[in-house]
Amino acid sequence: MTTTNKTLKNNKNNHQDEAMKLLQEVNKKLDYIIKLLREEEYKYPYHNSYIETFENNDPKNL
């Protein structure tokens, strides 16, 4: 039984390569978004509590 090669090949017609490239690009962008969200949380550590308090005290929810 042979295993499939999961490394990228230099073949323009290979859809697997394109899918792997897209997944790698999405992964990099997702990591960047997570990094930004963490930095935001470090800058304003209590802003989530403030938002929850504001939403709970909203007259529409009463």
PDB file of N, CA and C in Angstrom:
ATOM      1  N   MET A   1       0.848  -1.177   0.000  1.00  0.00           N
ATOM      2  CA  MET A   1       0.000   0.000   0.000  1.00  0.00           C
ATOM      3  C   MET A   1       0.889   1.234   0.000  1.00  0.00           C
ATOM      4  N   THR A   2       0.623   2.172  -0.869  1.00  0.00           N
ATOM      5  CA  THR A   2       1.425   3.391  -0.932  1.00  0.00           C
ATOM      6  C   THR A   2       0.695   4.530  -0.250  1.00  0.00           C
ATOM      7  N   THR A   3       1.461   5.450   0.281  1.00  0.00           N
ATOM      8  CA  THR A   3       0.860   6.628   0.920  1.00  0.00           C
ATOM      9  C   THR A   3       0.969   7.799  -0.036  1.00  0.00           C
ATOM     10  N   THR A   4       0.053   8.718   0.092  1.00  0.00           N
ATOM     11  CA  THR A   4       0.097   9.900  -0.764  1.00  0.00           C
ATOM     12  C   THR A   4       1.108  10.884  -0.219  1.00  0.00           C
ATOM     13  N   ASN A   5       1.767  11.563  -1.106  1.00  0.00           N
ATOM     14  CA  ASN A   5       2.761  12.560  -0.733  1.00  0.00           C
ATOM     15  C   ASN A   5       2.040  13.863  -0.404  1.00  0.00           C
ATOM     16  N   LYS A   6       2.214  14.372   0.807  1.00  0.00           N
ATOM     17  CA  LYS A   6       1.523  15.584   1.232  1.00  0.00           C
ATOM     18  C   LYS A   6       2.346  16.842   1.002  1.00  0.00           C
ATOM     19  N   THR A   7       3.500  16.715   0.389  1.00  0.00           N
ATOM     20  CA  THR A   7       4.307  17.891   0.081  1.00  0.00           C
ATOM     21  C   THR A   7       3.838  18.497  -1.223  1.00  0.00           C
ATOM     22  N   LEU A   8       4.111  19.782  -1.381  1.00  0.00           N
ATOM     23  CA  LEU A   8       3.699  20.471  -2.593  1.00  0.00           C
ATOM     24  C   LEU A   8       4.567  20.045  -3.770  1.00  0.00           C
ATOM     25  N   LYS A   9       3.939  19.854  -4.906  1.00  0.00           N
ATOM     26  CA  LYS A   9       4.652  19.480  -6.121  1.00  0.00           C
ATOM     27  C   LYS A   9       4.625  20.662  -7.078  1.00  0.00           C
ATOM     28  N   ASN A  10       5.540  20.703  -7.998  1.00  0.00           N
ATOM     29  CA  ASN A  10       5.607  21.785  -8.972  1.00  0.00           C
ATOM     30  C   ASN A  10       4.795  21.427 -10.211  1.00  0.00           C
ATOM     31  N   ASN A  11       3.524  21.208 -10.042  1.00  0.00           N
ATOM     32  CA  ASN A  11       2.649  20.854 -11.148  1.00  0.00           C
ATOM     33  C   ASN A  11       1.482  21.830 -11.139  1.00  0.00           C
ATOM     34  N   LYS A  12       1.324  22.594 -12.220  1.00  0.00           N
ATOM     35  CA  LYS A  12       0.279  23.615 -12.263  1.00  0.00           C
ATOM     36  C   LYS A  12      -1.118  23.001 -12.323  1.00  0.00           C
ATOM     37  N   ASN A  13      -1.233  21.783 -12.763  1.00  0.00           N
ATOM     38  CA  ASN A  13      -2.545  21.152 -12.907  1.00  0.00           C
ATOM     39  C   ASN A  13      -2.970  20.378 -11.668  1.00  0.00           C
ATOM     40  N   ASN A  14      -2.162  20.387 -10.657  1.00  0.00           N
ATOM     41  CA  ASN A  14      -2.472  19.615  -9.462  1.00  0.00           C
ATOM     42  C   ASN A  14      -3.344  20.454  -8.522  1.00  0.00           C
ATOM     43  N   HIS A  15      -4.590  20.055  -8.356  1.00  0.00           N
ATOM     44  CA  HIS A  15      -5.529  20.790  -7.496  1.00  0.00           C
ATOM     45  C   HIS A  15      -5.175  20.645  -6.018  1.00  0.00           C
ATOM     46  N   GLN A  16      -4.526  19.559  -5.684  1.00  0.00           N
ATOM     47  CA  GLN A  16      -4.129  19.355  -4.297  1.00  0.00           C
ATOM     48  C   GLN A  16      -3.116  20.426  -3.877  1.00  0.00           C
ATOM     49  N   ASP A  17      -2.217  20.773  -4.776  1.00  0.00           N
ATOM     50  CA  ASP A  17      -1.230  21.810  -4.466  1.00  0.00           C
ATOM     51  C   ASP A  17      -1.907  23.152  -4.229  1.00  0.00           C
ATOM     52  N   GLU A  18      -2.860  23.489  -5.072  1.00  0.00           N
ATOM     53  CA  GLU A  18      -3.579  24.752  -4.903  1.00  0.00           C
ATOM     54  C   GLU A  18      -4.341  24.777  -3.587  1.00  0.00           C
ATOM     55  N   ALA A  19      -4.958  23.650  -3.244  1.00  0.00           N
ATOM     56  CA  ALA A  19      -5.695  23.569  -1.978  1.00  0.00           C
ATOM     57  C   ALA A  19      -4.745  23.715  -0.796  1.00  0.00           C
ATOM     58  N   MET A  20      -3.586  23.090  -0.874  1.00  0.00           N
ATOM     59  CA  MET A  20      -2.612  23.206   0.217  1.00  0.00           C
ATOM     60  C   MET A  20      -2.123  24.649   0.347  1.00  0.00           C
ATOM     61  N   LYS A  21      -1.883  25.316  -0.782  1.00  0.00           N
ATOM     62  CA  LYS A  21      -1.445  26.715  -0.737  1.00  0.00           C
ATOM     63  C   LYS A  21      -2.513  27.600  -0.111  1.00  0.00           C
ATOM     64  N   LEU A  22      -3.777  27.371  -0.495  1.00  0.00           N
ATOM     65  CA  LEU A  22      -4.869  28.153   0.085  1.00  0.00           C
ATOM     66  C   LEU A  22      -5.000  27.907   1.578  1.00  0.00           C
ATOM     67  N   LEU A  23      -4.889  26.653   1.985  1.00  0.00           N
ATOM     68  CA  LEU A  23      -4.980  26.336   3.411  1.00  0.00           C
ATOM     69  C   LEU A  23      -3.836  26.976   4.195  1.00  0.00           C
ATOM     70  N   GLN A  24      -2.646  26.983   3.631  1.00  0.00           N
ATOM     71  CA  GLN A  24      -1.513  27.614   4.311  1.00  0.00           C
ATOM     72  C   GLN A  24      -1.727  29.122   4.424  1.00  0.00           C
ATOM     73  N   GLU A  25      -2.266  29.727   3.374  1.00  0.00           N
ATOM     74  CA  GLU A  25      -2.526  31.171   3.403  1.00  0.00           C
ATOM     75  C   GLU A  25      -3.608  31.505   4.433  1.00  0.00           C
ATOM     76  N   VAL A  26      -4.655  30.713   4.472  1.00  0.00           N
ATOM     77  CA  VAL A  26      -5.723  30.924   5.449  1.00  0.00           C
ATOM     78  C   VAL A  26      -5.177  30.742   6.860  1.00  0.00           C
ATOM     79  N   ASN A  27      -4.324  29.759   7.043  1.00  0.00           N
ATOM     80  CA  ASN A  27      -3.744  29.507   8.360  1.00  0.00           C
ATOM     81  C   ASN A  27      -2.908  30.697   8.826  1.00  0.00           C
ATOM     82  N   LYS A  28      -2.116  31.281   7.925  1.00  0.00           N
ATOM     83  CA  LYS A  28      -1.311  32.449   8.278  1.00  0.00           C
ATOM     84  C   LYS A  28      -2.196  33.627   8.652  1.00  0.00           C
ATOM     85  N   LYS A  29      -3.255  33.841   7.884  1.00  0.00           N
ATOM     86  CA  LYS A  29      -4.145  34.964   8.160  1.00  0.00           C
ATOM     87  C   LYS A  29      -4.895  34.757   9.468  1.00  0.00           C
ATOM     88  N   LEU A  30      -5.298  33.534   9.732  1.00  0.00           N
ATOM     89  CA  LEU A  30      -5.992  33.234  10.984  1.00  0.00           C
ATOM     90  C   LEU A  30      -5.068  33.450  12.176  1.00  0.00           C
ATOM     91  N   ASP A  31      -3.824  33.028  12.050  1.00  0.00           N
ATOM     92  CA  ASP A  31      -2.848  33.266  13.119  1.00  0.00           C
ATOM     93  C   ASP A  31      -2.672  34.761  13.374  1.00  0.00           C
ATOM     94  N   TYR A  32      -2.649  35.549  12.302  1.00  0.00           N
ATOM     95  CA  TYR A  32      -2.508  37.004  12.442  1.00  0.00           C
ATOM     96  C   TYR A  32      -3.720  37.606  13.148  1.00  0.00           C
ATOM     97  N   ILE A  33      -4.917  37.149  12.806  1.00  0.00           N
ATOM     98  CA  ILE A  33      -6.137  37.650  13.452  1.00  0.00           C
ATOM     99  C   ILE A  33      -6.141  37.288  14.928  1.00  0.00           C
ATOM    100  N   ILE A  34      -5.746  36.075  15.252  1.00  0.00           N
ATOM    101  CA  ILE A  34      -5.684  35.647  16.655  1.00  0.00           C
ATOM    102  C   ILE A  34      -4.674  36.502  17.416  1.00  0.00           C
ATOM    103  N   LYS A  35      -3.544  36.792  16.776  1.00  0.00           N
ATOM    104  CA  LYS A  35      -2.519  37.639  17.405  1.00  0.00           C
ATOM    105  C   LYS A  35      -3.079  39.028  17.694  1.00  0.00           C
ATOM    106  N   LEU A  36      -3.798  39.605  16.728  1.00  0.00           N
ATOM    107  CA  LEU A  36      -4.384  40.928  16.932  1.00  0.00           C
ATOM    108  C   LEU A  36      -5.410  40.915  18.054  1.00  0.00           C
ATOM    109  N   LEU A  37      -6.234  39.886  18.105  1.00  0.00           N
ATOM    110  CA  LEU A  37      -7.238  39.798  19.167  1.00  0.00           C
ATOM    111  C   LEU A  37      -6.588  39.672  20.538  1.00  0.00           C
ATOM    112  N   ARG A  38      -5.522  38.919  20.630  1.00  0.00           N
ATOM    113  CA  ARG A  38      -4.819  38.791  21.913  1.00  0.00           C
ATOM    114  C   ARG A  38      -4.199  40.117  22.328  1.00  0.00           C
ATOM    115  N   GLU A  39      -3.602  40.830  21.366  1.00  0.00           N
ATOM    116  CA  GLU A  39      -3.028  42.136  21.695  1.00  0.00           C
ATOM    117  C   GLU A  39      -4.107  43.096  22.169  1.00  0.00           C
ATOM    118  N   GLU A  40      -5.271  43.042  21.555  1.00  0.00           N
ATOM    119  CA  GLU A  40      -6.388  43.896  21.960  1.00  0.00           C
ATOM    120  C   GLU A  40      -6.825  43.547  23.385  1.00  0.00           C
ATOM    121  N   GLU A  41      -6.842  42.268  23.684  1.00  0.00           N
ATOM    122  CA  GLU A  41      -7.226  41.829  25.030  1.00  0.00           C
ATOM    123  C   GLU A  41      -6.193  42.292  26.059  1.00  0.00           C
ATOM    124  N   TYR A  42      -4.924  42.297  25.687  1.00  0.00           N
ATOM    125  CA  TYR A  42      -3.888  42.774  26.607  1.00  0.00           C
ATOM    126  C   TYR A  42      -3.991  44.275  26.836  1.00  0.00           C
ATOM    127  N   LYS A  43      -4.368  45.025  25.804  1.00  0.00           N
ATOM    128  CA  LYS A  43      -4.499  46.481  25.945  1.00  0.00           C
ATOM    129  C   LYS A  43      -5.691  46.839  26.822  1.00  0.00           C
ATOM    130  N   TYR A  44      -6.794  46.151  26.629  1.00  0.00           N
ATOM    131  CA  TYR A  44      -8.045  46.459  27.339  1.00  0.00           C
ATOM    132  C   TYR A  44      -8.561  45.177  27.988  1.00  0.00           C
ATOM    133  N   PRO A  45      -7.964  44.750  29.094  1.00  0.00           N
ATOM    134  CA  PRO A  45      -8.295  43.442  29.648  1.00  0.00           C
ATOM    135  C   PRO A  45      -9.729  43.320  30.168  1.00  0.00           C
ATOM    136  N   TYR A  46     -10.392  44.432  30.463  1.00  0.00           N
ATOM    137  CA  TYR A  46     -11.736  44.335  31.033  1.00  0.00           C
ATOM    138  C   TYR A  46     -12.819  44.759  30.055  1.00  0.00           C
ATOM    139  N   HIS A  47     -12.485  44.954  28.794  1.00  0.00           N
ATOM    140  CA  HIS A  47     -13.497  45.443  27.866  1.00  0.00           C
ATOM    141  C   HIS A  47     -14.593  44.406  27.629  1.00  0.00           C
ATOM    142  N   ASN A  48     -14.292  43.118  27.730  1.00  0.00           N
ATOM    143  CA  ASN A  48     -15.336  42.098  27.572  1.00  0.00           C
ATOM    144  C   ASN A  48     -16.349  42.191  28.714  1.00  0.00           C
ATOM    145  N   SER A  49     -15.873  42.425  29.915  1.00  0.00           N
ATOM    146  CA  SER A  49     -16.782  42.580  31.050  1.00  0.00           C
ATOM    147  C   SER A  49     -17.657  43.813  30.871  1.00  0.00           C
ATOM    148  N   TYR A  50     -17.071  44.884  30.364  1.00  0.00           N
ATOM    149  CA  TYR A  50     -17.831  46.106  30.125  1.00  0.00           C
ATOM    150  C   TYR A  50     -18.924  45.864  29.092  1.00  0.00           C
ATOM    151  N   ILE A  51     -18.573  45.192  28.013  1.00  0.00           N
ATOM    152  CA  ILE A  51     -19.559  44.915  26.961  1.00  0.00           C
ATOM    153  C   ILE A  51     -20.688  44.038  27.505  1.00  0.00           C
ATOM    154  N   GLU A  52     -20.347  43.022  28.282  1.00  0.00           N
ATOM    155  CA  GLU A  52     -21.374  42.146  28.855  1.00  0.00           C
ATOM    156  C   GLU A  52     -22.281  42.921  29.807  1.00  0.00           C
ATOM    157  N   THR A  53     -21.704  43.805  30.601  1.00  0.00           N
ATOM    158  CA  THR A  53     -22.493  44.616  31.524  1.00  0.00           C
ATOM    159  C   THR A  53     -23.419  45.541  30.751  1.00  0.00           C
ATOM    160  N   PHE A  54     -22.906  46.155  29.712  1.00  0.00           N
ATOM    161  CA  PHE A  54     -23.702  47.047  28.889  1.00  0.00           C
ATOM    162  C   PHE A  54     -24.854  46.293  28.235  1.00  0.00           C
ATOM    163  N   GLU A  55     -24.594  45.114  27.719  1.00  0.00           N
ATOM    164  CA  GLU A  55     -25.638  44.325  27.067  1.00  0.00           C
ATOM    165  C   GLU A  55     -26.690  43.864  28.076  1.00  0.00           C
ATOM    166  N   ASN A  56     -26.266  43.520  29.280  1.00  0.00           N
ATOM    167  CA  ASN A  56     -27.215  43.058  30.298  1.00  0.00           C
ATOM    168  C   ASN A  56     -28.087  44.190  30.825  1.00  0.00           C
ATOM    169  N   ASN A  57     -27.591  45.424  30.787  1.00  0.00           N
ATOM    170  CA  ASN A  57     -28.349  46.570  31.278  1.00  0.00           C
ATOM    171  C   ASN A  57     -29.125  47.286  30.170  1.00  0.00           C
ATOM    172  N   ASP A  58     -29.100  46.727  28.992  1.00  0.00           N
ATOM    173  CA  ASP A  58     -29.783  47.315  27.849  1.00  0.00           C
ATOM    174  C   ASP A  58     -31.305  47.230  28.091  1.00  0.00           C
ATOM    175  N   PRO A  59     -32.051  48.364  27.946  1.00  0.00           N
ATOM    176  CA  PRO A  59     -33.491  48.353  28.197  1.00  0.00           C
ATOM    177  C   PRO A  59     -34.263  47.381  27.292  1.00  0.00           C
ATOM    178  N   LYS A  60     -33.717  47.052  26.131  1.00  0.00           N
ATOM    179  CA  LYS A  60     -34.398  46.114  25.230  1.00  0.00           C
ATOM    180  C   LYS A  60     -34.481  44.730  25.828  1.00  0.00           C
ATOM    181  N   ASN A  61     -33.494  44.383  26.686  1.00  0.00           N
ATOM    182  CA  ASN A  61     -33.456  43.042  27.265  1.00  0.00           C
ATOM    183  C   ASN A  61     -34.353  42.920  28.488  1.00  0.00           C
ATOM    184  N   LEU A  62     -34.898  44.007  28.966  1.00  0.00           N
ATOM    185  CA  LEU A  62     -35.739  43.955  30.176  1.00  0.00           C
ATOM    186  C   LEU A  62     -37.145  43.532  29.873  1.00  0.00           C
TER     187      LEU A  62
END
